[in-house]
Every structure is written in structure tokens, then in C-alpha cells.
């Protein structure tokens, strides 16, 4: 984990979590897997990419995913995002369709959501790693303790954020959020497996309306 990159403000607010026994156990597990020749996604330097891309005090919107993509070349440490040149995953296509229907934004030609992170959109996966070609393979190694703490700290130490909880897994995290201080938007998961249930949620316009009410600049959701 020595090659991990994480922005200083996050390093400060999460310092106690990094010292917890569960976190040390995660580090040990990942080292053992690497030593055993297992391929882990995303690559080491990108495990904390969401944290490195959006400083703690700049977070406006939290989008919660579940696992990193498990196919080669896809996972980049930002939920739902893939590098340019990689085929856009089905869930992200449905997110783009909702953006088009909600805000009239044309469908992007790539799946790289990095531009959102520079505007305060925190793209957090609940599990930060996965073994190649083995979906949900790291669900029991302790990441949920870490990312639950992240959500709780954001709720406690920030005000006026938007939390987008898509699908049953994400919606269970609602209990970690102070709804007197923050806007929680819930919808079905954008996966095609949920049918068209995500369609029409209008989360992107609702998020921008809320941010403007808080005196915060809205997110420019159109990708370059």
C-alpha cells in the first residue's frame, strides 16, 4: 500500500481509521494476495483515486457504488467510471441516458467521469478492491467498515451535501447520514438488471437545485 495516493485533507480526517485493526487487516490481506500472484483491481496507486481526486472540503455530491469493475483495464478507483478507450459499461450508459432526459446533455463518447470529481462529485465504491474476474470477491475483507466511516464523517463534518443512493445496497447506507443536514436521493440501481427503474429519477437536476439553494455552484454534468 506504499504506492497509494491520497489527498492530504482526506489523510487527516481518516487518520484514526487508517490505524484501526480492521484497516491493518485489509492491508495485510491485499499484500498476501499480491504475493500469491493474484491480480487486484484497481491498480495500487488508484485504490484511493476517489479520495485523491476530490478533497474532503470540496465534496458537494456523493455517488455510492458497490464494487470496482473486475475486468482488465476497467477499474480506475471511481465508481461507475472507466478510462477513455474502454467500452462504456451498461450501468453508465443508463446514467448517461438519465442525464440526457433530465438535463438535455448529449450522450458522451467515453466513460471517464474524472471531470466530475474536479467539481466536488465524490465517486465512492463501498468496496475499494476486487480480484480480477471475480465480482464481489473482496466484500468480506473489511472495506465496508472503512467506507461506512467515510460516509459518517462526511455527514458529521460537512453540511448541505447531496448523497445519491442507487440500488438496495447503497440505500442501506441511509442510516449513516444526517438527513436534517443533507439531501438524500434514492433510486433503483442504473444496472439493466433493474429494468428501467432508474429512468426518470431526475437526481442530477435535483442535486443542482439543492446545491444552488445552499449557495453552492451547481455541477456541470456535461463531460468534456
C-alpha atoms as a PDB file:
ATOM      1  CA  UNK A   1       0.000   0.000   0.000  1.00  0.00           C
ATOM      2  CA  UNK A   2       3.072   2.221  -0.040  1.00  0.00           C
ATOM      3  CA  UNK A   3       2.293   3.394  -3.581  1.00  0.00           C
ATOM      4  CA  UNK A   4      -1.242   4.546  -2.667  1.00  0.00           C
ATOM      5  CA  UNK A   5      -2.022   8.189  -3.438  1.00  0.00           C
ATOM      6  CA  UNK A   6      -4.466  10.041  -1.182  1.00  0.00           C
ATOM      7  CA  UNK A   7      -5.071  13.782  -0.918  1.00  0.00           C
ATOM      8  CA  UNK A   8      -3.861  15.392   2.377  1.00  0.00           C
ATOM      9  CA  UNK A   9      -7.268  16.597   3.682  1.00  0.00           C
ATOM     10  CA  UNK A  10      -8.639  13.049   3.486  1.00  0.00           C
ATOM     11  CA  UNK A  11      -5.469  11.686   5.068  1.00  0.00           C
ATOM     12  CA  UNK A  12      -6.094  13.999   8.016  1.00  0.00           C
ATOM     13  CA  UNK A  13      -9.805  13.239   8.592  1.00  0.00           C
ATOM     14  CA  UNK A  14      -9.265   9.482   8.148  1.00  0.00           C
ATOM     15  CA  UNK A  15      -6.076   9.207  10.205  1.00  0.00           C
ATOM     16  CA  UNK A  16      -7.813   7.261  13.004  1.00  0.00           C
ATOM     17  CA  UNK A  17      -9.392   4.836  10.531  1.00  0.00           C
ATOM     18  CA  UNK A  18      -6.013   4.007   8.987  1.00  0.00           C
ATOM     19  CA  UNK A  19      -4.827   2.961  12.461  1.00  0.00           C
ATOM     20  CA  UNK A  20      -7.767   0.636  13.152  1.00  0.00           C
ATOM     21  CA  UNK A  21      -7.098  -3.127  13.331  1.00  0.00           C
ATOM     22  CA  UNK A  22      -9.627  -3.798  10.553  1.00  0.00           C
ATOM     23  CA  UNK A  23      -7.690  -1.493   8.205  1.00  0.00           C
ATOM     24  CA  UNK A  24      -4.388  -3.161   9.033  1.00  0.00           C
ATOM     25  CA  UNK A  25      -6.094  -6.486   8.243  1.00  0.00           C
ATOM     26  CA  UNK A  26      -7.151  -5.161   4.810  1.00  0.00           C
ATOM     27  CA  UNK A  27      -3.578  -4.096   4.058  1.00  0.00           C
ATOM     28  CA  UNK A  28      -2.223  -7.496   5.136  1.00  0.00           C
ATOM     29  CA  UNK A  29      -4.805  -9.331   3.038  1.00  0.00           C
ATOM     30  CA  UNK A  30      -4.007  -7.320  -0.103  1.00  0.00           C
ATOM     31  CA  UNK A  31      -0.264  -7.851   0.379  1.00  0.00           C
ATOM     32  CA  UNK A  32      -0.780 -11.617   0.761  1.00  0.00           C
ATOM     33  CA  UNK A  33      -2.949 -11.760  -2.363  1.00  0.00           C
ATOM     34  CA  UNK A  34      -0.356  -9.819  -4.360  1.00  0.00           C
ATOM     35  CA  UNK A  35       2.443 -12.084  -3.082  1.00  0.00           C
ATOM     36  CA  UNK A  36       0.346 -15.102  -4.118  1.00  0.00           C
ATOM     37  CA  UNK A  37       0.188 -13.741  -7.670  1.00  0.00           C
ATOM     38  CA  UNK A  38      -3.435 -12.598  -7.560  1.00  0.00           C
ATOM     39  CA  UNK A  39      -4.360  -9.634  -9.749  1.00  0.00           C
ATOM     40  CA  UNK A  40      -6.229  -6.944  -7.834  1.00  0.00           C
ATOM     41  CA  UNK A  41      -8.224  -4.070  -9.334  1.00  0.00           C
ATOM     42  CA  UNK A  42      -7.890  -1.153  -9.430  1.00  0.00           C
ATOM     43  CA  UNK A  43      -4.060  -0.963  -9.585  1.00  0.00           C
ATOM     44  CA  UNK A  44      -2.451   0.038  -6.263  1.00  0.00           C
ATOM     45  CA  UNK A  45      -1.972   3.756  -6.991  1.00  0.00           C
ATOM     46  CA  UNK A  46      -5.669   4.065  -7.939  1.00  0.00           C
ATOM     47  CA  UNK A  47      -7.282   2.288  -4.964  1.00  0.00           C
ATOM     48  CA  UNK A  48      -7.892   5.670  -3.294  1.00  0.00           C
ATOM     49  CA  UNK A  49      -8.398   7.609  -6.535  1.00  0.00           C
ATOM     50  CA  UNK A  50     -11.802   8.943  -5.394  1.00  0.00           C
ATOM     51  CA  UNK A  51     -10.148  10.425  -2.301  1.00  0.00           C
ATOM     52  CA  UNK A  52      -7.162  11.752  -4.222  1.00  0.00           C
ATOM     53  CA  UNK A  53      -9.366  13.390  -6.875  1.00  0.00           C
ATOM     54  CA  UNK A  54     -11.855  15.236  -4.632  1.00  0.00           C
ATOM     55  CA  UNK A  55     -10.510  16.871  -1.440  1.00  0.00           C
ATOM     56  CA  UNK A  56     -12.647  16.426   1.678  1.00  0.00           C
ATOM     57  CA  UNK A  57     -13.710  20.073   1.931  1.00  0.00           C
ATOM     58  CA  UNK A  58     -14.615  20.254  -1.759  1.00  0.00           C
ATOM     59  CA  UNK A  59     -17.124  17.366  -1.762  1.00  0.00           C
ATOM     60  CA  UNK A  60     -20.609  18.511  -2.881  1.00  0.00           C
ATOM     61  CA  UNK A  61     -22.196  15.285  -4.140  1.00  0.00           C
ATOM     62  CA  UNK A  62     -21.555  11.678  -3.079  1.00  0.00           C
ATOM     63  CA  UNK A  63     -22.399   8.886  -5.527  1.00  0.00           C
ATOM     64  CA  UNK A  64     -22.058   5.451  -3.948  1.00  0.00           C
ATOM     65  CA  UNK A  65     -21.180   2.338  -5.924  1.00  0.00           C
ATOM     66  CA  UNK A  66     -20.650  -1.180  -4.643  1.00  0.00           C
ATOM     67  CA  UNK A  67     -17.579  -2.873  -6.187  1.00  0.00           C
ATOM     68  CA  UNK A  68     -14.867  -1.859  -8.627  1.00  0.00           C
ATOM     69  CA  UNK A  69     -15.151  -3.298 -12.140  1.00  0.00           C
ATOM     70  CA  UNK A  70     -13.451  -6.699 -12.212  1.00  0.00           C
ATOM     71  CA  UNK A  71     -12.424  -6.941 -15.885  1.00  0.00           C
ATOM     72  CA  UNK A  72      -8.944  -5.897 -17.081  1.00  0.00           C
ATOM     73  CA  UNK A  73      -8.470  -2.208 -17.799  1.00  0.00           C
ATOM     74  CA  UNK A  74     -11.818  -1.027 -16.398  1.00  0.00           C
ATOM     75  CA  UNK A  75     -11.428  -0.138 -12.704  1.00  0.00           C
ATOM     76  CA  UNK A  76      -9.935   3.284 -12.018  1.00  0.00           C
ATOM     77  CA  UNK A  77     -10.928   3.876  -8.393  1.00  0.00           C
ATOM     78  CA  UNK A  78     -14.000   5.984  -9.234  1.00  0.00           C
ATOM     79  CA  UNK A  79     -17.409   4.306  -9.042  1.00  0.00           C
ATOM     80  CA  UNK A  80     -19.144   3.774 -12.409  1.00  0.00           C
ATOM     81  CA  UNK A  81     -16.162   5.332 -14.272  1.00  0.00           C
ATOM     82  CA  UNK A  82     -13.856   3.647 -16.810  1.00  0.00           C
ATOM     83  CA  UNK A  83     -10.792   5.067 -18.597  1.00  0.00           C
ATOM     84  CA  UNK A  84     -11.159   6.595 -22.041  1.00  0.00           C
ATOM     85  CA  UNK A  85     -10.927   3.966 -24.761  1.00  0.00           C
ATOM     86  CA  UNK A  86     -12.667   1.338 -22.614  1.00  0.00           C
ATOM     87  CA  UNK A  87     -16.192   0.271 -23.619  1.00  0.00           C
ATOM     88  CA  UNK A  88     -18.825   2.171 -21.605  1.00  0.00           C
ATOM     89  CA  UNK A  89     -20.437  -0.266 -19.102  1.00  0.00           C
ATOM     90  CA  UNK A  90     -24.228  -0.800 -19.241  1.00  0.00           C
ATOM     91  CA  UNK A  91     -24.913   0.915 -15.889  1.00  0.00           C
ATOM     92  CA  UNK A  92     -23.046   4.021 -17.016  1.00  0.00           C
ATOM     93  CA  UNK A  93     -24.963   4.075 -20.299  1.00  0.00           C
ATOM     94  CA  UNK A  94     -28.175   4.226 -18.246  1.00  0.00           C
ATOM     95  CA  UNK A  95     -26.714   7.052 -16.128  1.00  0.00           C
ATOM     96  CA  UNK A  96     -25.921   8.935 -19.348  1.00  0.00           C
ATOM     97  CA  UNK A  97     -29.470   8.335 -20.620  1.00  0.00           C
ATOM     98  CA  UNK A  98     -30.862   9.830 -17.418  1.00  0.00           C
ATOM     99  CA  UNK A  99     -28.570  12.850 -17.783  1.00  0.00           C
ATOM    100  CA  UNK A 100     -29.866  13.296 -21.334  1.00  0.00           C
ATOM    101  CA  UNK A 101     -33.508  13.017 -20.272  1.00  0.00           C
ATOM    102  CA  UNK A 102     -33.083  15.117 -17.119  1.00  0.00           C
ATOM    103  CA  UNK A 103     -30.790  17.913 -18.311  1.00  0.00           C
ATOM    104  CA  UNK A 104     -30.634  17.520 -22.093  1.00  0.00           C
ATOM    105  CA  UNK A 105     -26.954  16.539 -22.003  1.00  0.00           C
ATOM    106  CA  UNK A 106     -25.834  14.597 -25.110  1.00  0.00           C
ATOM    107  CA  UNK A 107     -24.536  11.039 -24.548  1.00  0.00           C
ATOM    108  CA  UNK A 108     -20.741  11.186 -24.032  1.00  0.00           C
ATOM    109  CA  UNK A 109     -18.474   9.049 -26.225  1.00  0.00           C
ATOM    110  CA  UNK A 110     -16.383   7.810 -23.275  1.00  0.00           C
ATOM    111  CA  UNK A 111     -16.857   6.578 -19.703  1.00  0.00           C
ATOM    112  CA  UNK A 112     -14.289   8.681 -17.845  1.00  0.00           C
ATOM    113  CA  UNK A 113     -16.030  10.622 -15.053  1.00  0.00           C
ATOM    114  CA  UNK A 114     -12.867  12.330 -13.776  1.00  0.00           C
ATOM    115  CA  UNK A 115     -14.210  15.766 -14.765  1.00  0.00           C
ATOM    116  CA  UNK A 116     -16.999  15.338 -12.199  1.00  0.00           C
ATOM    117  CA  UNK A 117     -14.506  14.688  -9.409  1.00  0.00           C
ATOM    118  CA  UNK A 118     -12.837  18.060 -10.067  1.00  0.00           C
ATOM    119  CA  UNK A 119     -16.203  19.721  -9.325  1.00  0.00           C
ATOM    120  CA  UNK A 120     -16.793  18.042  -5.986  1.00  0.00           C
ATOM    121  CA  UNK A 121     -18.503  14.809  -7.060  1.00  0.00           C
ATOM    122  CA  UNK A 122     -17.116  12.071  -4.801  1.00  0.00           C
ATOM    123  CA  UNK A 123     -17.348   8.744  -6.662  1.00  0.00           C
ATOM    124  CA  UNK A 124     -17.069   6.215  -3.832  1.00  0.00           C
ATOM    125  CA  UNK A 125     -17.243   2.443  -4.113  1.00  0.00           C
ATOM    126  CA  UNK A 126     -18.218   0.705  -0.858  1.00  0.00           C
ATOM    127  CA  UNK A 127     -15.526  -1.899  -1.574  1.00  0.00           C
ATOM    128  CA  UNK A 128     -12.295  -0.377  -2.858  1.00  0.00           C
ATOM    129  CA  UNK A 129     -10.756  -3.519  -4.381  1.00  0.00           C
ATOM    130  CA  UNK A 130     -11.720  -6.717  -6.199  1.00  0.00           C
ATOM    131  CA  UNK A 131      -9.879  -9.724  -7.627  1.00  0.00           C
ATOM    132  CA  UNK A 132      -9.680  -9.940 -11.403  1.00  0.00           C
ATOM    133  CA  UNK A 133     -12.734 -11.632 -12.960  1.00  0.00           C
ATOM    134  CA  UNK A 134     -14.222 -12.345  -9.511  1.00  0.00           C
ATOM    135  CA  UNK A 135     -17.063  -9.915  -8.776  1.00  0.00           C
ATOM    136  CA  UNK A 136     -17.700  -9.145  -5.094  1.00  0.00           C
ATOM    137  CA  UNK A 137     -14.606 -11.149  -4.125  1.00  0.00           C
ATOM    138  CA  UNK A 138     -13.471  -8.584  -1.525  1.00  0.00           C
ATOM    139  CA  UNK A 139     -16.817  -7.981   0.163  1.00  0.00           C
ATOM    140  CA  UNK A 140     -15.740  -9.692   3.376  1.00  0.00           C
ATOM    141  CA  UNK A 141     -12.255  -8.212   3.897  1.00  0.00           C
ATOM    142  CA  UNK A 142     -13.375  -5.145   5.886  1.00  0.00           C
ATOM    143  CA  UNK A 143     -13.758  -2.353   3.343  1.00  0.00           C
ATOM    144  CA  UNK A 144     -17.350  -1.731   4.471  1.00  0.00           C
ATOM    145  CA  UNK A 145     -16.093  -0.576   7.895  1.00  0.00           C
ATOM    146  CA  UNK A 146     -13.838   1.954   6.203  1.00  0.00           C
ATOM    147  CA  UNK A 147     -16.330   3.333   3.691  1.00  0.00           C
ATOM    148  CA  UNK A 148     -19.146   3.437   6.292  1.00  0.00           C
ATOM    149  CA  UNK A 149     -16.796   5.590   8.394  1.00  0.00           C
ATOM    150  CA  UNK A 150     -16.157   7.815   5.359  1.00  0.00           C
ATOM    151  CA  UNK A 151     -19.899   8.380   4.849  1.00  0.00           C
ATOM    152  CA  UNK A 152     -20.426   9.025   8.569  1.00  0.00           C
ATOM    153  CA  UNK A 153     -17.543  11.537   8.715  1.00  0.00           C
ATOM    154  CA  UNK A 154     -18.849  13.394   5.660  1.00  0.00           C
ATOM    155  CA  UNK A 155     -22.298  13.535   7.240  1.00  0.00           C
ATOM    156  CA  UNK A 156     -20.976  14.775  10.589  1.00  0.00           C
ATOM    157  CA  UNK A 157     -18.292  17.234   9.491  1.00  0.00           C
ATOM    158  CA  UNK A 158     -19.864  18.694   6.340  1.00  0.00           C
ATOM    159  CA  UNK A 159     -23.222  20.360   5.665  1.00  0.00           C
ATOM    160  CA  UNK A 160     -25.526  20.584   2.650  1.00  0.00           C
ATOM    161  CA  UNK A 161     -24.188  17.620   0.682  1.00  0.00           C
ATOM    162  CA  UNK A 162     -26.161  15.511  -1.783  1.00  0.00           C
ATOM    163  CA  UNK A 163     -25.992  11.729  -1.350  1.00  0.00           C
ATOM    164  CA  UNK A 164     -27.166   9.676  -4.353  1.00  0.00           C
ATOM    165  CA  UNK A 165     -28.033   6.154  -3.217  1.00  0.00           C
ATOM    166  CA  UNK A 166     -28.788   3.865  -6.147  1.00  0.00           C
ATOM    167  CA  UNK A 167     -29.988   0.312  -5.541  1.00  0.00           C
ATOM    168  CA  UNK A 168     -30.741  -1.594  -2.350  1.00  0.00           C
ATOM    169  CA  UNK A 169     -27.102  -1.915  -1.289  1.00  0.00           C
ATOM    170  CA  UNK A 170     -26.498   1.838  -1.403  1.00  0.00           C
ATOM    171  CA  UNK A 171     -29.864   2.681   0.142  1.00  0.00           C
ATOM    172  CA  UNK A 172     -28.929   0.743   3.283  1.00  0.00           C
ATOM    173  CA  UNK A 173     -26.284   3.423   3.943  1.00  0.00           C
ATOM    174  CA  UNK A 174     -29.020   5.999   4.536  1.00  0.00           C
ATOM    175  CA  UNK A 175     -28.842   5.350   8.287  1.00  0.00           C
ATOM    176  CA  UNK A 176     -25.288   6.778   8.324  1.00  0.00           C
ATOM    177  CA  UNK A 177     -26.448  10.174   7.022  1.00  0.00           C
ATOM    178  CA  UNK A 178     -27.963  13.081   8.978  1.00  0.00           C
ATOM    179  CA  UNK A 179     -30.969  13.944   6.826  1.00  0.00           C
ATOM    180  CA  UNK A 180     -31.507  17.208   8.717  1.00  0.00           C
ATOM    181  CA  UNK A 181     -28.249  18.499   7.182  1.00  0.00           C
ATOM    182  CA  UNK A 182     -28.042  16.750   3.814  1.00  0.00           C
ATOM    183  CA  UNK A 183     -30.174  15.795   0.801  1.00  0.00           C
ATOM    184  CA  UNK A 184     -30.525  12.031   0.269  1.00  0.00           C
ATOM    185  CA  UNK A 185     -31.739  10.950  -3.177  1.00  0.00           C
ATOM    186  CA  UNK A 186     -32.746   7.299  -3.605  1.00  0.00           C
ATOM    187  CA  UNK A 187     -33.403   5.327  -6.780  1.00  0.00           C
ATOM    188  CA  UNK A 188     -33.114   1.879  -8.280  1.00  0.00           C
ATOM    189  CA  UNK A 189     -29.663   0.845  -9.461  1.00  0.00           C
ATOM    190  CA  UNK A 190     -28.835   2.010 -13.013  1.00  0.00           C
ATOM    191  CA  UNK A 191     -27.933  -1.570 -13.986  1.00  0.00           C
ATOM    192  CA  UNK A 192     -30.040  -3.033 -16.830  1.00  0.00           C
ATOM    193  CA  UNK A 193     -30.826  -5.843 -14.362  1.00  0.00           C
ATOM    194  CA  UNK A 194     -33.126  -3.365 -12.597  1.00  0.00           C
ATOM    195  CA  UNK A 195     -35.096  -2.844 -15.795  1.00  0.00           C
ATOM    196  CA  UNK A 196     -35.847   0.814 -16.453  1.00  0.00           C
ATOM    197  CA  UNK A 197     -36.484   1.582 -12.783  1.00  0.00           C
ATOM    198  CA  UNK A 198     -33.591   4.100 -12.607  1.00  0.00           C
ATOM    199  CA  UNK A 199     -35.008   6.062 -15.526  1.00  0.00           C
ATOM    200  CA  UNK A 200     -36.830   9.258 -14.586  1.00  0.00           C
ATOM    201  CA  UNK A 201     -35.234   9.687 -11.142  1.00  0.00           C
ATOM    202  CA  UNK A 202     -34.117  13.236 -12.079  1.00  0.00           C
ATOM    203  CA  UNK A 203     -31.343  13.118  -9.497  1.00  0.00           C
ATOM    204  CA  UNK A 204     -28.983  15.389 -11.413  1.00  0.00           C
ATOM    205  CA  UNK A 205     -31.354  18.345 -11.662  1.00  0.00           C
ATOM    206  CA  UNK A 206     -32.499  17.806  -8.060  1.00  0.00           C
ATOM    207  CA  UNK A 207     -28.870  17.830  -6.901  1.00  0.00           C
ATOM    208  CA  UNK A 208     -28.120  21.084  -8.703  1.00  0.00           C
ATOM    209  CA  UNK A 209     -31.285  22.747  -7.380  1.00  0.00           C
ATOM    210  CA  UNK A 210     -30.318  21.768  -3.827  1.00  0.00           C
ATOM    211  CA  UNK A 211     -26.721  22.992  -4.232  1.00  0.00           C
ATOM    212  CA  UNK A 212     -27.927  26.342  -5.531  1.00  0.00           C
ATOM    213  CA  UNK A 213     -30.284  26.647  -2.548  1.00  0.00           C
ATOM    214  CA  UNK A 214     -27.213  26.149  -0.324  1.00  0.00           C
ATOM    215  CA  UNK A 215     -25.394  28.928  -2.182  1.00  0.00           C
ATOM    216  CA  UNK A 216     -23.065  26.379  -3.826  1.00  0.00           C
ATOM    217  CA  UNK A 217     -22.198  26.298  -7.532  1.00  0.00           C
ATOM    218  CA  UNK A 218     -24.083  23.532  -9.381  1.00  0.00           C
ATOM    219  CA  UNK A 219     -22.253  20.661 -11.053  1.00  0.00           C
ATOM    220  CA  UNK A 220     -21.629  20.922 -14.785  1.00  0.00           C
ATOM    221  CA  UNK A 221     -22.613  17.321 -15.548  1.00  0.00           C
ATOM    222  CA  UNK A 222     -21.712  17.509 -19.257  1.00  0.00           C
ATOM    223  CA  UNK A 223     -18.387  15.709 -19.780  1.00  0.00           C
ATOM    224  CA  UNK A 224     -15.606  17.124 -21.975  1.00  0.00           C
END
